[in-house]
Amino acid sequence: MRTEAPVTVHLSDYAPYPFEVEQVKLRFDLDPDVTRVKADLTIRRTGAADAPLVLDGESLTLLSIALDGKPLGASDYTVDEKQLTLASVPDAFVLTTEVEIAPAKNTALSGLYMSGGRFCTQCEAVGFRRITYYPDRPDVMSAFHVWMAADKKAYPILLSNGTPGEAGVLEGGRHFAVWDDPHKKPSYLFALCAGDYDVYSDSFTTMNGDEIALAIHVDKGDADRAAWAMDSLKRSMKWDEEVYGRAYDLGVFNIVAVRDFNFGAMENKGLNVFNSAYVLA
């Protein structure tokens, strides 16, 4: 359940973020009790020369932090329950952080949590700050590269936004997968799911002649209940083309249906997450 109290945000208080995050590289070592997340943020200053770098972060255990590969000491930054702040940074740099989070204990269902024994994310509106330190606001857009590893038997399917890349087997019964999303997005549209699902598969050919692989990932035994959702997906993609003249621009489109979800659905590009109650027929 959600436990945070609502916070009033006034338009009159808005100010542009003084940095651009050009690229995000995330590395997840997935485990229900202790997941490690390493983040490399390629950052460029766009605001005042004396603006500090302030990143949002909640329920994170900071393990290490480095600037352009150089480890930082405790006097180089401040961290509290809500933010990580570097008072002085260059105009262009790479910030690397490594944190630990506990998905199995995340009962807020915001950020990375467990649903039915599987990993799932919900980052709208401000859940990404429960995954790693980041300017978790919708006007900060970046391209995301994701590497994730998990136990192969327990979590044979590893999903994120974008296009799948390299995948393989690791020691200790684990495996990994890489996902690249070339289109810049705000952090609230980030998604990651990992688990053992039944999969209902199909394809869609765009008006440009590109064949898109479609898949709906559901609880074991529920695949035959996903036909209506697949038909709806294909009709909606066709409608986008006919009404707006826009063809889907990735090679895959995945949907994951989960039972523990705060909303009816979340429109993460390339990896929609639905409450099972609203997608299975």
C-alpha atoms as a PDB file:
ATOM      1  CA  MET A   1       0.000   0.000   0.000  1.00  0.00           C
ATOM      2  CA  ARG A   2       1.045   3.605  -0.481  1.00  0.00           C
ATOM      3  CA  THR A   3       2.129   5.295   2.738  1.00  0.00           C
ATOM      4  CA  GLU A   4       3.493   8.697   1.701  1.00  0.00           C
ATOM      5  CA  ALA A   5       1.424  11.821   2.387  1.00  0.00           C
ATOM      6  CA  PRO A   6       0.520  14.008  -0.621  1.00  0.00           C
ATOM      7  CA  VAL A   7       2.668  17.102  -1.122  1.00  0.00           C
ATOM      8  CA  THR A   8       1.360  20.312  -2.687  1.00  0.00           C
ATOM      9  CA  VAL A   9       3.529  21.602  -5.557  1.00  0.00           C
ATOM     10  CA  HIS A  10       2.936  25.159  -6.794  1.00  0.00           C
ATOM     11  CA  LEU A  11       3.632  26.236 -10.382  1.00  0.00           C
ATOM     12  CA  SER A  12       4.994  29.523  -9.053  1.00  0.00           C
ATOM     13  CA  ASP A  13       7.820  27.592  -7.368  1.00  0.00           C
ATOM     14  CA  TYR A  14       9.028  25.967 -10.604  1.00  0.00           C
ATOM     15  CA  ALA A  15      12.611  26.512 -11.737  1.00  0.00           C
ATOM     16  CA  PRO A  16      14.406  24.582 -14.508  1.00  0.00           C
ATOM     17  CA  TYR A  17      16.832  21.948 -13.296  1.00  0.00           C
ATOM     18  CA  PRO A  18      20.352  23.425 -13.678  1.00  0.00           C
ATOM     19  CA  PHE A  19      21.834  20.267 -15.227  1.00  0.00           C
ATOM     20  CA  GLU A  20      21.101  17.967 -18.147  1.00  0.00           C
ATOM     21  CA  VAL A  21      21.464  14.226 -17.620  1.00  0.00           C
ATOM     22  CA  GLU A  22      22.597  13.140 -21.071  1.00  0.00           C
ATOM     23  CA  GLN A  23      22.760   9.405 -20.386  1.00  0.00           C
ATOM     24  CA  VAL A  24      21.899   6.967 -17.608  1.00  0.00           C
ATOM     25  CA  LYS A  25      23.624   3.594 -17.314  1.00  0.00           C
ATOM     26  CA  LEU A  26      22.063   1.320 -14.711  1.00  0.00           C
ATOM     27  CA  ARG A  27      23.410  -2.000 -13.468  1.00  0.00           C
ATOM     28  CA  PHE A  28      21.050  -4.131 -11.351  1.00  0.00           C
ATOM     29  CA  ASP A  29      22.172  -7.148  -9.331  1.00  0.00           C
ATOM     30  CA  LEU A  30      18.676  -8.348  -8.485  1.00  0.00           C
ATOM     31  CA  ASP A  31      17.848 -10.097  -5.226  1.00  0.00           C
ATOM     32  CA  PRO A  32      14.566  -9.774  -3.296  1.00  0.00           C
ATOM     33  CA  ASP A  33      16.284  -8.987   0.002  1.00  0.00           C
ATOM     34  CA  VAL A  34      19.319  -6.972  -1.133  1.00  0.00           C
ATOM     35  CA  THR A  35      19.467  -5.555  -4.663  1.00  0.00           C
ATOM     36  CA  ARG A  36      22.499  -3.529  -5.690  1.00  0.00           C
ATOM     37  CA  VAL A  37      22.053  -0.710  -8.191  1.00  0.00           C
ATOM     38  CA  LYS A  38      25.025   0.997  -9.817  1.00  0.00           C
ATOM     39  CA  ALA A  39      24.262   4.185 -11.742  1.00  0.00           C
ATOM     40  CA  ASP A  40      26.541   6.115 -14.100  1.00  0.00           C
ATOM     41  CA  LEU A  41      25.031   9.532 -14.860  1.00  0.00           C
ATOM     42  CA  THR A  42      26.582  11.596 -17.669  1.00  0.00           C
ATOM     43  CA  ILE A  43      25.775  15.166 -16.631  1.00  0.00           C
ATOM     44  CA  ARG A  44      26.250  18.603 -18.192  1.00  0.00           C
ATOM     45  CA  ARG A  45      25.615  21.948 -16.511  1.00  0.00           C
ATOM     46  CA  THR A  46      22.924  24.093 -18.149  1.00  0.00           C
ATOM     47  CA  GLY A  47      22.242  26.554 -15.328  1.00  0.00           C
ATOM     48  CA  ALA A  48      24.117  28.796 -12.923  1.00  0.00           C
ATOM     49  CA  ALA A  49      27.843  28.162 -12.528  1.00  0.00           C
ATOM     50  CA  ASP A  50      27.518  27.895  -8.752  1.00  0.00           C
ATOM     51  CA  ALA A  51      24.445  25.633  -8.704  1.00  0.00           C
ATOM     52  CA  PRO A  52      24.948  22.519  -6.554  1.00  0.00           C
ATOM     53  CA  LEU A  53      24.019  19.080  -7.863  1.00  0.00           C
ATOM     54  CA  VAL A  54      20.989  17.886  -5.901  1.00  0.00           C
ATOM     55  CA  LEU A  55      19.686  14.357  -6.494  1.00  0.00           C
ATOM     56  CA  ASP A  56      16.574  12.779  -5.015  1.00  0.00           C
ATOM     57  CA  GLY A  57      16.843   9.517  -3.102  1.00  0.00           C
ATOM     58  CA  GLU A  58      14.679   7.680  -0.575  1.00  0.00           C
ATOM     59  CA  SER A  59      15.094   4.343   1.228  1.00  0.00           C
ATOM     60  CA  LEU A  60      18.562   3.914  -0.291  1.00  0.00           C
ATOM     61  CA  THR A  61      21.760   2.704   1.367  1.00  0.00           C
ATOM     62  CA  LEU A  62      24.672   4.506  -0.279  1.00  0.00           C
ATOM     63  CA  LEU A  63      27.659   2.184  -0.740  1.00  0.00           C
ATOM     64  CA  SER A  64      29.974   4.316  -2.878  1.00  0.00           C
ATOM     65  CA  ILE A  65      30.131   7.521  -4.895  1.00  0.00           C
ATOM     66  CA  ALA A  66      32.676   8.713  -7.476  1.00  0.00           C
ATOM     67  CA  LEU A  67      33.111  11.731  -9.748  1.00  0.00           C
ATOM     68  CA  ASP A  68      34.775  10.993 -13.108  1.00  0.00           C
ATOM     69  CA  GLY A  69      36.041   7.734 -11.624  1.00  0.00           C
ATOM     70  CA  LYS A  70      37.548   9.318  -8.496  1.00  0.00           C
ATOM     71  CA  PRO A  71      36.009   8.090  -5.218  1.00  0.00           C
ATOM     72  CA  LEU A  72      34.578  10.881  -3.075  1.00  0.00           C
ATOM     73  CA  GLY A  73      35.073  11.246   0.642  1.00  0.00           C
ATOM     74  CA  ALA A  74      32.419  12.070   3.212  1.00  0.00           C
ATOM     75  CA  SER A  75      33.373  15.765   3.110  1.00  0.00           C
ATOM     76  CA  ASP A  76      32.685  15.969  -0.652  1.00  0.00           C
ATOM     77  CA  TYR A  77      28.917  15.491  -0.393  1.00  0.00           C
ATOM     78  CA  THR A  78      25.982  15.484   1.994  1.00  0.00           C
ATOM     79  CA  VAL A  79      23.269  12.854   2.144  1.00  0.00           C
ATOM     80  CA  ASP A  80      20.059  12.614   4.139  1.00  0.00           C
ATOM     81  CA  GLU A  81      16.774  10.707   3.946  1.00  0.00           C
ATOM     82  CA  LYS A  82      15.609  12.668   0.894  1.00  0.00           C
ATOM     83  CA  GLN A  83      18.598  13.951  -1.096  1.00  0.00           C
ATOM     84  CA  LEU A  84      22.222  13.567  -2.117  1.00  0.00           C
ATOM     85  CA  THR A  85      23.967  16.926  -2.634  1.00  0.00           C
ATOM     86  CA  LEU A  86      27.326  17.830  -4.149  1.00  0.00           C
ATOM     87  CA  ALA A  87      28.005  21.510  -3.471  1.00  0.00           C
ATOM     88  CA  SER A  88      30.679  21.836  -6.163  1.00  0.00           C
ATOM     89  CA  VAL A  89      30.879  19.953  -9.467  1.00  0.00           C
ATOM     90  CA  PRO A  90      32.476  20.695 -12.868  1.00  0.00           C
ATOM     91  CA  ASP A  91      30.448  21.723 -15.906  1.00  0.00           C
ATOM     92  CA  ALA A  92      30.553  18.223 -17.422  1.00  0.00           C
ATOM     93  CA  PHE A  93      31.189  14.966 -15.580  1.00  0.00           C
ATOM     94  CA  VAL A  94      30.117  11.388 -14.879  1.00  0.00           C
ATOM     95  CA  LEU A  95      28.723  10.678 -11.429  1.00  0.00           C
ATOM     96  CA  THR A  96      28.800   7.047 -10.305  1.00  0.00           C
ATOM     97  CA  THR A  97      26.839   5.809  -7.315  1.00  0.00           C
ATOM     98  CA  GLU A  98      26.165   2.351  -5.951  1.00  0.00           C
ATOM     99  CA  VAL A  99      23.286   1.729  -3.571  1.00  0.00           C
ATOM    100  CA  GLU A 100      21.462  -1.131  -1.906  1.00  0.00           C
ATOM    101  CA  ILE A 101      17.678  -1.434  -1.822  1.00  0.00           C
ATOM    102  CA  ALA A 102      15.310  -4.070  -0.408  1.00  0.00           C
ATOM    103  CA  PRO A 103      12.514  -4.858  -2.920  1.00  0.00           C
ATOM    104  CA  ALA A 104      10.887  -7.493  -0.677  1.00  0.00           C
ATOM    105  CA  LYS A 105      10.415  -4.917   2.096  1.00  0.00           C
ATOM    106  CA  ASN A 106       9.072  -2.211  -0.221  1.00  0.00           C
ATOM    107  CA  THR A 107       5.395  -2.297   0.748  1.00  0.00           C
ATOM    108  CA  ALA A 108       4.821   1.190  -0.696  1.00  0.00           C
ATOM    109  CA  LEU A 109       4.696  -0.430  -4.189  1.00  0.00           C
ATOM    110  CA  SER A 110       6.712   2.544  -5.437  1.00  0.00           C
ATOM    111  CA  GLY A 111      10.139   2.060  -6.976  1.00  0.00           C
ATOM    112  CA  LEU A 112      11.337  -1.557  -7.278  1.00  0.00           C
ATOM    113  CA  TYR A 113       9.251  -4.081  -5.349  1.00  0.00           C
ATOM    114  CA  MET A 114       8.106  -7.704  -5.389  1.00  0.00           C
ATOM    115  CA  SER A 115       4.701  -8.792  -6.717  1.00  0.00           C
ATOM    116  CA  GLY A 116       3.795 -12.475  -6.611  1.00  0.00           C
ATOM    117  CA  GLY A 117       7.456 -13.401  -6.250  1.00  0.00           C
ATOM    118  CA  ARG A 118       8.502 -11.270  -9.231  1.00  0.00           C
ATOM    119  CA  PHE A 119      10.331  -7.948  -9.539  1.00  0.00           C
ATOM    120  CA  CYS A 120       8.256  -4.989 -10.716  1.00  0.00           C
ATOM    121  CA  THR A 121       8.600  -1.200 -10.794  1.00  0.00           C
ATOM    122  CA  GLN A 122       6.218   1.702 -10.416  1.00  0.00           C
ATOM    123  CA  CYS A 123       7.997   5.024 -10.897  1.00  0.00           C
ATOM    124  CA  GLU A 124       5.150   7.487 -11.462  1.00  0.00           C
ATOM    125  CA  ALA A 125       5.096   9.987  -9.971  1.00  0.00           C
ATOM    126  CA  VAL A 126       8.294   9.933  -7.888  1.00  0.00           C
ATOM    127  CA  GLY A 127       9.179   6.264  -7.457  1.00  0.00           C
ATOM    128  CA  PHE A 128      12.499   6.280  -9.311  1.00  0.00           C
ATOM    129  CA  ARG A 129      14.172   7.960  -6.328  1.00  0.00           C
ATOM    130  CA  ARG A 130      13.608   4.681  -4.454  1.00  0.00           C
ATOM    131  CA  ILE A 131      15.839   2.915  -7.013  1.00  0.00           C
ATOM    132  CA  THR A 132      18.864   5.221  -7.225  1.00  0.00           C
ATOM    133  CA  TYR A 133      19.917   8.836  -6.690  1.00  0.00           C
ATOM    134  CA  TYR A 134      18.566  10.942  -9.550  1.00  0.00           C
ATOM    135  CA  PRO A 135      16.829  14.272 -10.333  1.00  0.00           C
ATOM    136  CA  ASP A 136      13.429  12.573 -10.148  1.00  0.00           C
ATOM    137  CA  ARG A 137      11.320  15.172 -11.939  1.00  0.00           C
ATOM    138  CA  PRO A 138       9.459  15.046 -15.278  1.00  0.00           C
ATOM    139  CA  ASP A 139      11.408  17.842 -16.978  1.00  0.00           C
ATOM    140  CA  VAL A 140      14.703  15.909 -16.794  1.00  0.00           C
ATOM    141  CA  MET A 141      14.905  13.621 -19.839  1.00  0.00           C
ATOM    142  CA  SER A 142      17.636  11.086 -20.552  1.00  0.00           C
ATOM    143  CA  ALA A 143      18.514   7.988 -22.581  1.00  0.00           C
ATOM    144  CA  PHE A 144      18.659   4.817 -20.476  1.00  0.00           C
ATOM    145  CA  HIS A 145      20.941   1.779 -20.781  1.00  0.00           C
ATOM    146  CA  VAL A 146      20.134  -1.123 -18.436  1.00  0.00           C
ATOM    147  CA  TRP A 147      22.129  -4.225 -17.479  1.00  0.00           C
ATOM    148  CA  MET A 148      20.438  -6.595 -15.054  1.00  0.00           C
ATOM    149  CA  ALA A 149      21.262  -9.963 -13.546  1.00  0.00           C
ATOM    150  CA  ALA A 150      19.169 -12.389 -11.508  1.00  0.00           C
ATOM    151  CA  ASP A 151      18.789 -16.046 -10.604  1.00  0.00           C
ATOM    152  CA  LYS A 152      17.979 -17.783 -13.900  1.00  0.00           C
ATOM    153  CA  LYS A 153      15.637 -20.415 -12.446  1.00  0.00           C
ATOM    154  CA  ALA A 154      13.562 -18.011 -10.350  1.00  0.00           C
ATOM    155  CA  TYR A 155      13.584 -15.109 -12.839  1.00  0.00           C
ATOM    156  CA  PRO A 156      14.044 -16.497 -16.372  1.00  0.00           C
ATOM    157  CA  ILE A 157      12.561 -13.403 -18.063  1.00  0.00           C
ATOM    158  CA  LEU A 158      14.315 -10.023 -17.636  1.00  0.00           C
ATOM    159  CA  LEU A 159      12.553  -6.977 -19.108  1.00  0.00           C
ATOM    160  CA  SER A 160      13.061  -3.218 -19.312  1.00  0.00           C
ATOM    161  CA  ASN A 161      12.262  -0.334 -21.667  1.00  0.00           C
ATOM    162  CA  GLY A 162      13.615  -0.149 -25.180  1.00  0.00           C
ATOM    163  CA  THR A 163      15.272  -2.814 -27.300  1.00  0.00           C
ATOM    164  CA  PRO A 164      16.848  -6.033 -25.985  1.00  0.00           C
ATOM    165  CA  GLY A 165      20.571  -6.430 -26.473  1.00  0.00           C
ATOM    166  CA  GLU A 166      23.141  -8.902 -25.217  1.00  0.00           C
ATOM    167  CA  ALA A 167      22.035 -11.689 -22.867  1.00  0.00           C
ATOM    168  CA  GLY A 168      23.875 -14.617 -21.351  1.00  0.00           C
ATOM    169  CA  VAL A 169      24.635 -16.960 -18.469  1.00  0.00           C
ATOM    170  CA  LEU A 170      26.674 -16.033 -15.383  1.00  0.00           C
ATOM    171  CA  GLU A 171      28.239 -18.084 -12.610  1.00  0.00           C
ATOM    172  CA  GLY A 172      26.197 -19.272  -9.658  1.00  0.00           C
ATOM    173  CA  GLY A 173      23.043 -20.036 -11.634  1.00  0.00           C
ATOM    174  CA  ARG A 174      22.491 -16.415 -12.611  1.00  0.00           C
ATOM    175  CA  HIS A 175      21.965 -14.805 -16.012  1.00  0.00           C
ATOM    176  CA  PHE A 176      21.909 -11.279 -17.428  1.00  0.00           C
ATOM    177  CA  ALA A 177      20.140  -9.175 -20.032  1.00  0.00           C
ATOM    178  CA  VAL A 178      20.817  -5.762 -21.559  1.00  0.00           C
ATOM    179  CA  TRP A 179      18.175  -3.245 -22.657  1.00  0.00           C
ATOM    180  CA  ASP A 180      18.738   0.049 -24.477  1.00  0.00           C
ATOM    181  CA  ASP A 181      16.131   2.775 -24.852  1.00  0.00           C
ATOM    182  CA  PRO A 182      17.377   5.264 -27.471  1.00  0.00           C
ATOM    183  CA  HIS A 183      14.526   7.706 -26.848  1.00  0.00           C
ATOM    184  CA  LYS A 184      14.975  10.171 -23.995  1.00  0.00           C
ATOM    185  CA  LYS A 185      12.375   9.880 -21.251  1.00  0.00           C
ATOM    186  CA  PRO A 186      11.724  11.151 -17.725  1.00  0.00           C
ATOM    187  CA  SER A 187      12.513   8.826 -14.850  1.00  0.00           C
ATOM    188  CA  TYR A 188       8.842   8.183 -14.059  1.00  0.00           C
ATOM    189  CA  LEU A 189       8.593   6.190 -17.325  1.00  0.00           C
ATOM    190  CA  PHE A 190      11.422   3.819 -16.379  1.00  0.00           C
ATOM    191  CA  ALA A 191      10.342   0.195 -15.995  1.00  0.00           C
ATOM    192  CA  LEU A 192      11.904  -3.123 -15.027  1.00  0.00           C
ATOM    193  CA  CYS A 193      10.211  -6.493 -14.557  1.00  0.00           C
ATOM    194  CA  ALA A 194      11.802  -9.866 -13.849  1.00  0.00           C
ATOM    195  CA  GLY A 195      10.161 -13.191 -13.134  1.00  0.00           C
ATOM    196  CA  ASP A 196       8.724 -16.449 -14.388  1.00  0.00           C
ATOM    197  CA  TYR A 197       5.684 -15.765 -16.574  1.00  0.00           C
ATOM    198  CA  ASP A 198       3.467 -17.420 -19.108  1.00  0.00           C
ATOM    199  CA  VAL A 199       3.713 -15.416 -22.335  1.00  0.00           C
ATOM    200  CA  TYR A 200       1.072 -14.709 -24.978  1.00  0.00           C
ATOM    201  CA  SER A 201       2.924 -13.668 -28.152  1.00  0.00           C
ATOM    202  CA  ASP A 202       1.945 -12.107 -31.459  1.00  0.00           C
ATOM    203  CA  SER A 203       3.288  -9.527 -33.916  1.00  0.00           C
ATOM    204  CA  PHE A 204       2.227  -6.299 -35.594  1.00  0.00           C
ATOM    205  CA  THR A 205       3.388  -4.903 -38.926  1.00  0.00           C
ATOM    206  CA  THR A 206       3.579  -1.114 -38.950  1.00  0.00           C
ATOM    207  CA  MET A 207       2.606   1.171 -41.794  1.00  0.00           C
ATOM    208  CA  ASN A 208       6.360   1.407 -42.506  1.00  0.00           C
ATOM    209  CA  GLY A 209       6.582  -2.353 -42.976  1.00  0.00           C
ATOM    210  CA  ASP A 210       8.426  -3.019 -39.699  1.00  0.00           C
ATOM    211  CA  GLU A 211       7.413  -6.165 -37.816  1.00  0.00           C
ATOM    212  CA  ILE A 212       7.028  -5.587 -34.075  1.00  0.00           C
ATOM    213  CA  ALA A 213       7.260  -8.496 -31.628  1.00  0.00           C
ATOM    214  CA  LEU A 214       4.398  -8.279 -29.105  1.00  0.00           C
ATOM    215  CA  ALA A 215       4.251 -10.169 -25.804  1.00  0.00           C
ATOM    216  CA  ILE A 216       1.946 -10.149 -22.781  1.00  0.00           C
ATOM    217  CA  HIS A 217       3.500 -11.645 -19.637  1.00  0.00           C
ATOM    218  CA  VAL A 218       1.022 -13.086 -17.135  1.00  0.00           C
ATOM    219  CA  ASP A 219       0.756 -15.415 -14.155  1.00  0.00           C
ATOM    220  CA  LYS A 220       1.204 -19.111 -14.831  1.00  0.00           C
ATOM    221  CA  GLY A 221      -1.972 -20.543 -16.341  1.00  0.00           C
ATOM    222  CA  ASP A 222      -3.369 -17.155 -17.420  1.00  0.00           C
ATOM    223  CA  ALA A 223      -2.026 -16.990 -20.990  1.00  0.00           C
ATOM    224  CA  ASP A 224      -5.372 -17.969 -22.520  1.00  0.00           C
ATOM    225  CA  ARG A 225      -6.941 -14.949 -20.798  1.00  0.00           C
ATOM    226  CA  ALA A 226      -4.638 -12.482 -22.614  1.00  0.00           C
ATOM    227  CA  ALA A 227      -6.142 -12.777 -26.115  1.00  0.00           C
ATOM    228  CA  TRP A 228      -8.488  -9.810 -25.628  1.00  0.00           C
ATOM    229  CA  ALA A 229      -5.619  -7.632 -24.368  1.00  0.00           C
ATOM    230  CA  MET A 230      -3.469  -8.568 -27.364  1.00  0.00           C
ATOM    231  CA  ASP A 231      -6.275  -7.737 -29.776  1.00  0.00           C
ATOM    232  CA  SER A 232      -6.757  -4.384 -28.015  1.00  0.00           C
ATOM    233  CA  LEU A 233      -3.036  -3.651 -28.265  1.00  0.00           C
ATOM    234  CA  LYS A 234      -2.923  -4.332 -32.001  1.00  0.00           C
ATOM    235  CA  ARG A 235      -6.025  -2.244 -32.649  1.00  0.00           C
ATOM    236  CA  SER A 236      -4.611   0.660 -30.625  1.00  0.00           C
ATOM    237  CA  MET A 237      -1.332   0.574 -32.569  1.00  0.00           C
ATOM    238  CA  LYS A 238      -3.315   0.648 -35.808  1.00  0.00           C
ATOM    239  CA  TRP A 239      -5.421   3.535 -34.473  1.00  0.00           C
ATOM    240  CA  ASP A 240      -2.284   5.565 -33.704  1.00  0.00           C
ATOM    241  CA  GLU A 241      -1.223   5.148 -37.317  1.00  0.00           C
ATOM    242  CA  GLU A 242      -4.609   5.998 -38.822  1.00  0.00           C
ATOM    243  CA  VAL A 243      -5.400   8.984 -36.589  1.00  0.00           C
ATOM    244  CA  TYR A 244      -1.960  10.479 -35.930  1.00  0.00           C
ATOM    245  CA  GLY A 245       0.179   9.009 -38.707  1.00  0.00           C
ATOM    246  CA  ARG A 246       2.639   7.687 -36.123  1.00  0.00           C
ATOM    247  CA  ALA A 247       4.194   4.231 -36.312  1.00  0.00           C
ATOM    248  CA  TYR A 248       5.634   2.464 -33.282  1.00  0.00           C
ATOM    249  CA  ASP A 249       9.415   2.993 -33.308  1.00  0.00           C
ATOM    250  CA  LEU A 250      10.842   0.085 -31.300  1.00  0.00           C
ATOM    251  CA  GLY A 251      11.230  -3.546 -32.315  1.00  0.00           C
ATOM    252  CA  VAL A 252       9.380  -4.996 -29.316  1.00  0.00           C
ATOM    253  CA  PHE A 253       6.362  -4.124 -27.186  1.00  0.00           C
ATOM    254  CA  ASN A 254       5.920  -5.919 -23.863  1.00  0.00           C
ATOM    255  CA  ILE A 255       3.071  -5.879 -21.356  1.00  0.00           C
ATOM    256  CA  VAL A 256       3.331  -7.336 -17.852  1.00  0.00           C
ATOM    257  CA  ALA A 257       0.220  -8.033 -15.763  1.00  0.00           C
ATOM    258  CA  VAL A 258       0.744  -7.891 -11.977  1.00  0.00           C
ATOM    259  CA  ARG A 259      -1.716  -8.311  -9.114  1.00  0.00           C
ATOM    260  CA  ASP A 260      -0.076  -5.850  -6.695  1.00  0.00           C
ATOM    261  CA  PHE A 261      -0.220  -2.504  -8.472  1.00  0.00           C
ATOM    262  CA  ASN A 262      -1.239   0.962  -7.294  1.00  0.00           C
ATOM    263  CA  PHE A 263      -2.907   1.955 -10.568  1.00  0.00           C
ATOM    264  CA  GLY A 264      -4.895   0.412 -13.383  1.00  0.00           C
ATOM    265  CA  ALA A 265      -1.907   0.617 -15.721  1.00  0.00           C
ATOM    266  CA  MET A 266       1.354   2.462 -16.365  1.00  0.00           C
ATOM    267  CA  GLU A 267       2.329   3.574 -19.865  1.00  0.00           C
ATOM    268  CA  ASN A 268       6.104   2.981 -19.690  1.00  0.00           C
ATOM    269  CA  LYS A 269       7.201   3.007 -23.329  1.00  0.00           C
ATOM    270  CA  GLY A 270       7.844  -0.482 -24.632  1.00  0.00           C
ATOM    271  CA  LEU A 271       7.026  -2.095 -21.270  1.00  0.00           C
ATOM    272  CA  ASN A 272       3.493  -1.366 -20.073  1.00  0.00           C
ATOM    273  CA  VAL A 273       2.567  -2.641 -16.616  1.00  0.00           C
ATOM    274  CA  PHE A 274      -1.101  -3.437 -15.956  1.00  0.00           C
ATOM    275  CA  ASN A 275      -3.089  -4.421 -12.929  1.00  0.00           C
ATOM    276  CA  SER A 276      -4.177  -7.979 -13.752  1.00  0.00           C
ATOM    277  CA  ALA A 277      -7.783  -7.118 -12.936  1.00  0.00           C
ATOM    278  CA  TYR A 278      -7.951  -4.770 -15.933  1.00  0.00           C
ATOM    279  CA  VAL A 279      -6.086  -6.689 -18.630  1.00  0.00           C
ATOM    280  CA  LEU A 280      -7.161 -10.335 -18.358  1.00  0.00           C
ATOM    281  CA  ALA A 281     -10.494 -11.446 -19.831  1.00  0.00           C
END
